Amino acid sequence: MKKFINAVGDVEKEMIQGILKVYPDKIKAIDCDGVLIRKEKNENKVAVISGGGSGHEPSFGGYVGKGMLDAVIAGAVYTSPSADHIYEAIKSVATPKGVLMIPMNYTGDIMNFEMAAEMAEMEGIKTEMVVTNDDVAVDNSLYTVGRRGVAGTVFVHKIAGAMAETGASLEEVKAVAEKANANVRTMGVAINPSTIPAAGKPGFELLDDEMEVGIGIHGEPGVRKEKLKSANEIVDMLLEKILSDLDFSGSDVAIMVNGSGGTPLMELYIINNHVHDVLLSKGITIYKTFVGNYMTSIEQEGFSLTLFKLDEQLKNLLDAPTDTPAMKV
């Protein structure tokens, strides 16, 4: 294993310290490992929080700021944060309007967010939760009951955060987050795995002419191995699955071509080129496109493709001002 780290046990702590030194005007830490919150608290809005294991940067700390998240909790690499740490995050950002939690659908995350919510409710803090599950590759996995939450989660964070900024109620923010989640679909593929520092070895193995289809975000294998295909053929395969899962015909969509951490932008743009061509040929209108690393898997070479079906409300919220380290609108 070759990585630019110091000690394996210090990876997450030193990463958080590094983030804070880049964005002292936007985010700050509390006296609890892995918790980052907005520098300026707004008491007149619902607080929106999320989190999960480290290794997905810029998720989740990169989305703390105006128009998105009020707090995030980072666990160890690919490991859920503890219920105690989530609880401390809730207490730090809670407002009279309440707190909306948006974890991804992984068993450990859901269990710990639910436990933290119970502790917060005992303190009189009103909470609600929306669980993202945009992955179309599998209906159940080793880590989930139901579909996994993957890169499409970033769109849900964006929509919920924008709605919260309007001063909407907790029920209204939850409703629009659920609406966003219901209209997001994602699928991914990888050609090289990631290596968790503490494990010291890749999460799966591939021959030079193989790819993993249907990857998650935790370095786990996909649903099957296939011979490596051209970029256009891979896009066709992913779009076929996504478009068969939700009716996008005649719709306006936002696209996210998300890198897994080790895929060059050159290749992501090549992928995006064909995505646009295919969607336009099917009468689907492309409203906005996002290309880059939004939710990664350390250094994994791969990408995921997300389609977000939009109506006028979702368009307005997607376009609403956002000022975070990893997303500005």
Protein backbone atom coordinates (compact mmCIF):
# COMPACT_ATOMS: atom_id res chain seq x y z
CA MET A 1 0.00 0.00 0.00
CA LYS A 2 1.36 3.40 -1.03
CA LYS A 3 -0.45 6.46 0.34
CA PHE A 4 0.49 9.99 1.37
CA ILE A 5 -0.30 9.52 5.05
CA ASN A 6 1.56 9.57 8.34
CA ALA A 7 0.11 7.00 10.73
CA VAL A 8 -2.88 4.87 9.75
CA GLY A 9 -4.62 5.73 13.02
CA ASP A 10 -4.32 9.46 12.37
CA VAL A 11 -5.78 9.59 8.84
CA GLU A 12 -9.25 10.86 9.72
CA LYS A 13 -8.11 13.29 12.41
CA GLU A 14 -5.41 14.88 10.24
CA MET A 15 -7.80 15.12 7.30
CA ILE A 16 -10.34 17.03 9.40
CA GLN A 17 -7.61 19.36 10.65
CA GLY A 18 -6.53 19.96 7.08
CA ILE A 19 -10.06 20.81 5.96
CA LEU A 20 -10.50 23.30 8.79
CA LYS A 21 -7.29 25.09 7.86
CA VAL A 22 -8.51 25.59 4.29
CA TYR A 23 -12.02 26.85 5.11
CA PRO A 24 -11.90 28.68 8.46
CA ASP A 25 -14.45 31.20 7.21
CA LYS A 26 -17.08 28.55 6.42
CA ILE A 27 -16.77 25.63 8.83
CA LYS A 28 -15.60 24.85 12.31
CA ALA A 29 -15.24 21.82 14.52
CA ILE A 30 -16.83 21.13 17.89
CA ASP A 31 -15.20 19.25 20.73
CA CYS A 32 -16.15 15.89 19.25
CA ASP A 33 -14.11 13.90 16.75
CA GLY A 34 -15.31 14.13 13.16
CA VAL A 35 -18.05 16.73 13.59
CA LEU A 36 -17.97 19.81 11.37
CA ILE A 37 -20.58 22.57 11.50
CA ARG A 38 -21.34 25.86 9.77
CA LYS A 39 -19.29 28.75 11.07
CA GLU A 40 -22.37 30.96 11.46
CA LYS A 41 -25.50 29.41 12.91
CA ASN A 42 -28.89 30.50 11.58
CA GLU A 43 -31.53 30.05 14.28
CA ASN A 44 -34.39 30.85 11.89
CA LYS A 45 -34.17 27.72 9.75
CA VAL A 46 -34.34 23.97 9.96
CA ALA A 47 -30.88 22.52 10.50
CA VAL A 48 -29.92 19.88 7.92
CA ILE A 49 -27.28 17.31 8.82
CA SER A 50 -25.72 14.25 7.24
CA GLY A 51 -22.66 12.06 7.56
CA GLY A 52 -21.10 8.68 7.11
CA GLY A 53 -17.69 7.15 6.85
CA SER A 54 -14.66 9.11 5.72
CA GLY A 55 -13.15 8.37 2.33
CA HIS A 56 -15.92 9.96 0.25
CA GLU A 57 -14.44 13.45 0.08
CA PRO A 58 -15.66 16.04 -0.70
CA SER A 59 -18.65 14.32 0.90
CA PHE A 60 -19.58 15.16 3.48
CA GLY A 61 -17.61 18.06 4.95
CA GLY A 62 -17.37 19.81 1.60
CA TYR A 63 -21.11 20.45 1.65
CA VAL A 64 -21.26 22.31 4.96
CA GLY A 65 -22.34 25.88 4.41
CA LYS A 66 -25.11 28.17 3.25
CA GLY A 67 -27.65 26.41 1.09
CA MET A 68 -26.70 22.85 2.00
CA LEU A 69 -25.70 21.23 5.29
CA ASP A 70 -25.42 22.68 8.78
CA ALA A 71 -23.39 19.79 10.18
CA VAL A 72 -21.73 16.56 9.12
CA ILE A 73 -20.31 13.68 11.09
CA ALA A 74 -17.38 11.75 9.65
CA GLY A 75 -16.67 8.26 10.92
CA ALA A 76 -13.56 6.23 10.23
CA VAL A 77 -12.98 5.33 6.58
CA TYR A 78 -16.08 3.55 5.22
CA THR A 79 -17.46 3.25 8.77
CA SER A 80 -20.58 4.82 10.25
CA PRO A 81 -20.09 7.60 12.78
CA SER A 82 -21.21 6.73 16.29
CA ALA A 83 -24.62 7.62 17.69
CA ASP A 84 -22.93 9.76 20.37
CA HIS A 85 -21.12 11.84 17.76
CA ILE A 86 -24.28 12.28 15.70
CA TYR A 87 -26.10 13.37 18.86
CA GLU A 88 -23.42 15.98 19.59
CA ALA A 89 -23.80 17.30 16.03
CA ILE A 90 -27.57 17.54 16.43
CA LYS A 91 -27.23 19.48 19.69
CA SER A 92 -24.71 21.87 18.15
CA VAL A 93 -26.89 22.97 15.24
CA ALA A 94 -30.45 22.40 16.50
CA THR A 95 -32.81 25.34 16.14
CA PRO A 96 -36.40 25.91 17.30
CA LYS A 97 -37.48 24.74 13.83
CA GLY A 98 -35.88 21.33 14.30
CA VAL A 99 -33.30 19.13 12.59
CA LEU A 100 -33.56 17.07 9.41
CA MET A 101 -31.12 14.17 9.19
CA ILE A 102 -30.23 12.80 5.72
CA PRO A 103 -28.13 9.64 6.04
CA MET A 104 -27.60 7.16 3.23
CA ASN A 105 -29.19 3.73 3.36
CA TYR A 106 -26.54 1.65 5.11
CA THR A 107 -27.53 -0.42 8.11
CA GLY A 108 -24.97 0.99 10.55
CA ASP A 109 -25.67 4.58 9.55
CA ILE A 110 -29.43 4.19 9.94
CA MET A 111 -29.12 2.51 13.33
CA ASN A 112 -26.82 5.20 14.71
CA PHE A 113 -28.79 8.14 13.31
CA GLU A 114 -31.98 6.69 14.80
CA MET A 115 -30.33 6.24 18.19
CA ALA A 116 -29.03 9.82 18.07
CA ALA A 117 -32.49 11.10 17.16
CA GLU A 118 -33.97 9.30 20.16
CA MET A 119 -31.42 10.95 22.45
CA ALA A 120 -32.15 14.35 20.91
CA GLU A 121 -35.91 13.92 21.27
CA MET A 122 -35.37 13.26 25.00
CA GLU A 123 -33.73 16.70 25.12
CA GLY A 124 -36.75 18.27 23.43
CA ILE A 125 -35.09 18.59 20.02
CA LYS A 126 -37.48 17.93 17.16
CA THR A 127 -35.96 15.67 14.48
CA GLU A 128 -36.98 14.00 11.24
CA MET A 129 -35.03 11.72 8.90
CA VAL A 130 -34.92 11.07 5.15
CA VAL A 131 -32.84 8.09 4.03
CA THR A 132 -31.37 8.25 0.53
CA ASN A 133 -31.50 5.13 -1.65
CA ASP A 134 -30.76 6.15 -5.24
CA ASP A 135 -28.66 3.16 -6.36
CA VAL A 136 -30.44 1.05 -9.02
CA ALA A 137 -27.76 -1.67 -9.16
CA VAL A 138 -29.10 -3.78 -6.31
CA ASP A 139 -32.30 -4.08 -4.28
CA ASN A 140 -30.38 -5.34 -1.23
CA SER A 141 -26.68 -5.59 -0.43
CA LEU A 142 -24.30 -6.83 2.23
CA TYR A 143 -24.63 -3.42 3.90
CA THR A 144 -28.30 -2.56 3.39
CA VAL A 145 -31.90 -3.60 3.52
CA GLY A 146 -33.14 -2.00 0.33
CA ARG A 147 -31.19 0.12 -2.10
CA ARG A 148 -27.94 1.85 -1.21
CA GLY A 149 -27.58 5.58 -0.97
CA VAL A 150 -24.83 6.78 -3.31
CA ALA A 151 -23.84 9.93 -5.21
CA GLY A 152 -27.40 11.09 -5.86
CA THR A 153 -27.47 11.92 -2.14
CA VAL A 154 -25.65 15.16 -2.99
CA PHE A 155 -28.71 16.35 -4.91
CA VAL A 156 -30.93 15.58 -1.91
CA HIS A 157 -28.60 17.58 0.35
CA LYS A 158 -28.74 20.49 -2.10
CA ILE A 159 -32.53 20.51 -2.36
CA ALA A 160 -33.17 20.11 1.37
CA GLY A 161 -30.58 22.74 2.25
CA ALA A 162 -32.06 25.24 -0.20
CA MET A 163 -35.56 24.64 1.13
CA ALA A 164 -34.36 25.11 4.71
CA GLU A 165 -32.85 28.48 3.79
CA THR A 166 -36.33 29.74 2.85
CA GLY A 167 -37.46 29.37 6.46
CA ALA A 168 -39.72 26.44 5.64
CA SER A 169 -41.00 24.16 8.39
CA LEU A 170 -39.38 20.84 9.27
CA GLU A 171 -42.28 19.03 7.64
CA GLU A 172 -41.86 21.03 4.43
CA VAL A 173 -38.10 20.47 4.27
CA LYS A 174 -38.57 16.75 4.88
CA ALA A 175 -41.24 16.55 2.17
CA VAL A 176 -39.08 18.15 -0.50
CA ALA A 177 -36.09 15.98 0.49
CA GLU A 178 -38.29 12.90 0.05
CA LYS A 179 -39.45 14.24 -3.30
CA ALA A 180 -35.88 14.75 -4.45
CA ASN A 181 -34.86 11.29 -3.30
CA ALA A 182 -37.80 9.73 -5.15
CA ASN A 183 -36.65 11.35 -8.40
CA VAL A 184 -32.92 10.47 -8.26
CA ARG A 185 -31.38 7.35 -9.77
CA THR A 186 -27.69 6.32 -9.84
CA MET A 187 -25.50 3.45 -11.02
CA GLY A 188 -21.72 3.08 -11.10
CA VAL A 189 -18.81 1.04 -12.40
CA ALA A 190 -15.12 0.69 -11.47
CA ILE A 191 -11.96 -0.47 -13.22
CA ASN A 192 -9.65 -0.39 -10.16
CA PRO A 193 -10.50 -0.70 -6.45
CA SER A 194 -9.73 1.46 -3.45
CA THR A 195 -7.60 0.52 -0.46
CA ILE A 196 -8.71 1.33 3.07
CA PRO A 197 -5.61 2.54 4.94
CA ALA A 198 -6.36 0.36 7.98
CA ALA A 199 -6.85 -2.72 5.79
CA GLY A 200 -3.79 -2.19 3.60
CA LYS A 201 -5.17 -4.12 0.65
CA PRO A 202 -7.74 -3.46 -2.11
CA GLY A 203 -11.40 -4.18 -1.53
CA PHE A 204 -11.59 -6.40 -4.61
CA GLU A 205 -9.41 -7.62 -7.47
CA LEU A 206 -9.77 -7.14 -11.20
CA LEU A 207 -7.83 -8.42 -14.16
CA ASP A 208 -6.50 -5.84 -16.62
CA ASP A 209 -9.43 -6.42 -18.96
CA GLU A 210 -12.19 -6.50 -16.30
CA MET A 211 -14.53 -3.99 -14.65
CA GLU A 212 -16.88 -4.12 -11.65
CA VAL A 213 -20.45 -3.20 -12.54
CA GLY A 214 -22.84 -1.86 -9.91
CA ILE A 215 -20.35 -0.58 -7.35
CA GLY A 216 -21.34 1.08 -4.09
CA ILE A 217 -19.24 3.76 -2.40
CA HIS A 218 -17.44 1.69 0.23
CA GLY A 219 -14.91 -0.02 -1.99
CA GLU A 220 -17.02 -3.14 -2.11
CA PRO A 221 -17.35 -5.28 -5.24
CA GLY A 222 -20.17 -4.57 -7.65
CA VAL A 223 -22.94 -6.93 -8.64
CA ARG A 224 -20.87 -8.60 -11.35
CA LYS A 225 -17.58 -8.55 -13.23
CA GLU A 226 -17.54 -7.97 -16.97
CA LYS A 227 -14.96 -7.53 -19.68
CA LEU A 228 -13.98 -3.88 -19.98
CA LYS A 229 -16.00 -2.04 -22.60
CA SER A 230 -15.63 1.34 -24.28
CA ALA A 231 -16.83 4.45 -22.45
CA ASN A 232 -19.86 4.75 -24.73
CA GLU A 233 -20.83 1.12 -24.20
CA ILE A 234 -20.57 1.51 -20.42
CA VAL A 235 -22.73 4.64 -20.50
CA ASP A 236 -25.34 2.81 -22.60
CA MET A 237 -25.40 -0.03 -20.08
CA LEU A 238 -25.83 2.27 -17.08
CA LEU A 239 -28.45 4.45 -18.76
CA GLU A 240 -30.47 1.42 -19.81
CA LYS A 241 -30.75 0.36 -16.16
CA ILE A 242 -31.46 3.88 -14.87
CA LEU A 243 -34.03 4.76 -17.53
CA SER A 244 -35.87 1.47 -17.03
CA ASP A 245 -36.20 2.17 -13.30
CA LEU A 246 -37.93 5.57 -13.53
CA ASP A 247 -39.81 7.18 -16.40
CA PHE A 248 -37.69 10.14 -17.49
CA SER A 249 -39.36 10.52 -20.90
CA GLY A 250 -40.12 14.13 -21.78
CA SER A 251 -38.56 15.32 -18.53
CA ASP A 252 -36.01 17.94 -17.59
CA VAL A 253 -33.07 16.38 -15.74
CA ALA A 254 -29.90 17.27 -13.91
CA ILE A 255 -26.97 14.98 -14.64
CA MET A 256 -24.12 14.09 -12.31
CA VAL A 257 -21.11 12.28 -13.72
CA ASN A 258 -19.35 11.55 -10.45
CA GLY A 259 -15.75 10.38 -10.22
CA SER A 260 -14.83 7.73 -7.66
CA GLY A 261 -11.60 9.53 -6.74
CA GLY A 262 -9.07 8.14 -9.21
CA THR A 263 -10.72 8.82 -12.56
CA PRO A 264 -9.26 11.69 -14.62
CA LEU A 265 -11.55 14.56 -15.57
CA MET A 266 -10.65 13.83 -19.19
CA GLU A 267 -12.45 10.51 -18.93
CA LEU A 268 -15.41 11.94 -17.03
CA TYR A 269 -15.92 14.50 -19.80
CA ILE A 270 -15.77 11.73 -22.42
CA ILE A 271 -18.46 9.90 -20.46
CA ASN A 272 -20.56 13.05 -20.15
CA ASN A 273 -20.31 13.64 -23.90
CA HIS A 274 -22.14 10.39 -24.65
CA VAL A 275 -24.61 10.79 -21.78
CA HIS A 276 -25.81 14.06 -23.33
CA ASP A 277 -26.08 12.54 -26.79
CA VAL A 278 -28.12 9.57 -25.60
CA LEU A 279 -30.51 11.60 -23.44
CA LEU A 280 -31.15 14.19 -26.12
CA SER A 281 -31.85 11.43 -28.64
CA LYS A 282 -34.53 10.14 -26.25
CA GLY A 283 -36.24 13.51 -25.89
CA ILE A 284 -34.95 14.15 -22.38
CA THR A 285 -34.00 17.79 -21.72
CA ILE A 286 -30.75 18.41 -19.87
CA TYR A 287 -31.27 21.29 -17.45
CA LYS A 288 -27.94 21.23 -15.62
CA THR A 289 -24.80 19.07 -15.62
CA PHE A 290 -22.34 18.31 -12.83
CA VAL A 291 -19.04 16.62 -13.71
CA GLY A 292 -16.33 15.91 -11.13
CA ASN A 293 -15.66 14.27 -7.78
CA TYR A 294 -18.74 14.73 -5.60
CA MET A 295 -18.84 11.48 -3.62
CA THR A 296 -15.71 9.39 -3.95
CA SER A 297 -14.31 6.09 -2.73
CA ILE A 298 -10.78 7.20 -1.82
CA GLU A 299 -8.63 6.52 -4.92
CA GLN A 300 -10.94 4.09 -6.71
CA GLU A 301 -10.91 4.36 -10.50
CA GLY A 302 -14.54 4.44 -11.48
CA PHE A 303 -17.55 6.65 -11.89
CA SER A 304 -21.26 6.78 -11.25
CA LEU A 305 -23.97 8.30 -13.35
CA THR A 306 -26.92 10.06 -11.70
CA LEU A 307 -30.10 11.40 -13.27
CA PHE A 308 -32.32 13.76 -11.29
CA LYS A 309 -35.84 14.29 -12.65
CA LEU A 310 -36.88 17.91 -12.14
CA ASP A 311 -40.05 19.95 -11.88
CA GLU A 312 -40.21 23.72 -11.40
CA GLN A 313 -39.88 23.55 -7.62
CA LEU A 314 -36.83 21.30 -7.80
CA LYS A 315 -35.26 23.48 -10.50
CA ASN A 316 -35.64 26.57 -8.34
CA LEU A 317 -34.10 24.86 -5.34
CA LEU A 318 -31.27 23.40 -7.42
CA ASP A 319 -30.50 26.93 -8.67
CA ALA A 320 -30.77 28.54 -5.21
CA PRO A 321 -27.60 30.18 -3.83
CA THR A 322 -25.15 27.76 -2.26
CA ASP A 323 -21.78 28.56 -0.71
CA THR A 324 -19.88 25.53 0.51
CA PRO A 325 -16.28 24.36 -0.03
CA ALA A 326 -17.30 21.82 -2.68
CA MET A 327 -20.35 23.43 -4.28
CA LYS A 328 -21.15 27.01 -5.13
CA VAL A 329 -24.19 28.22 -7.03
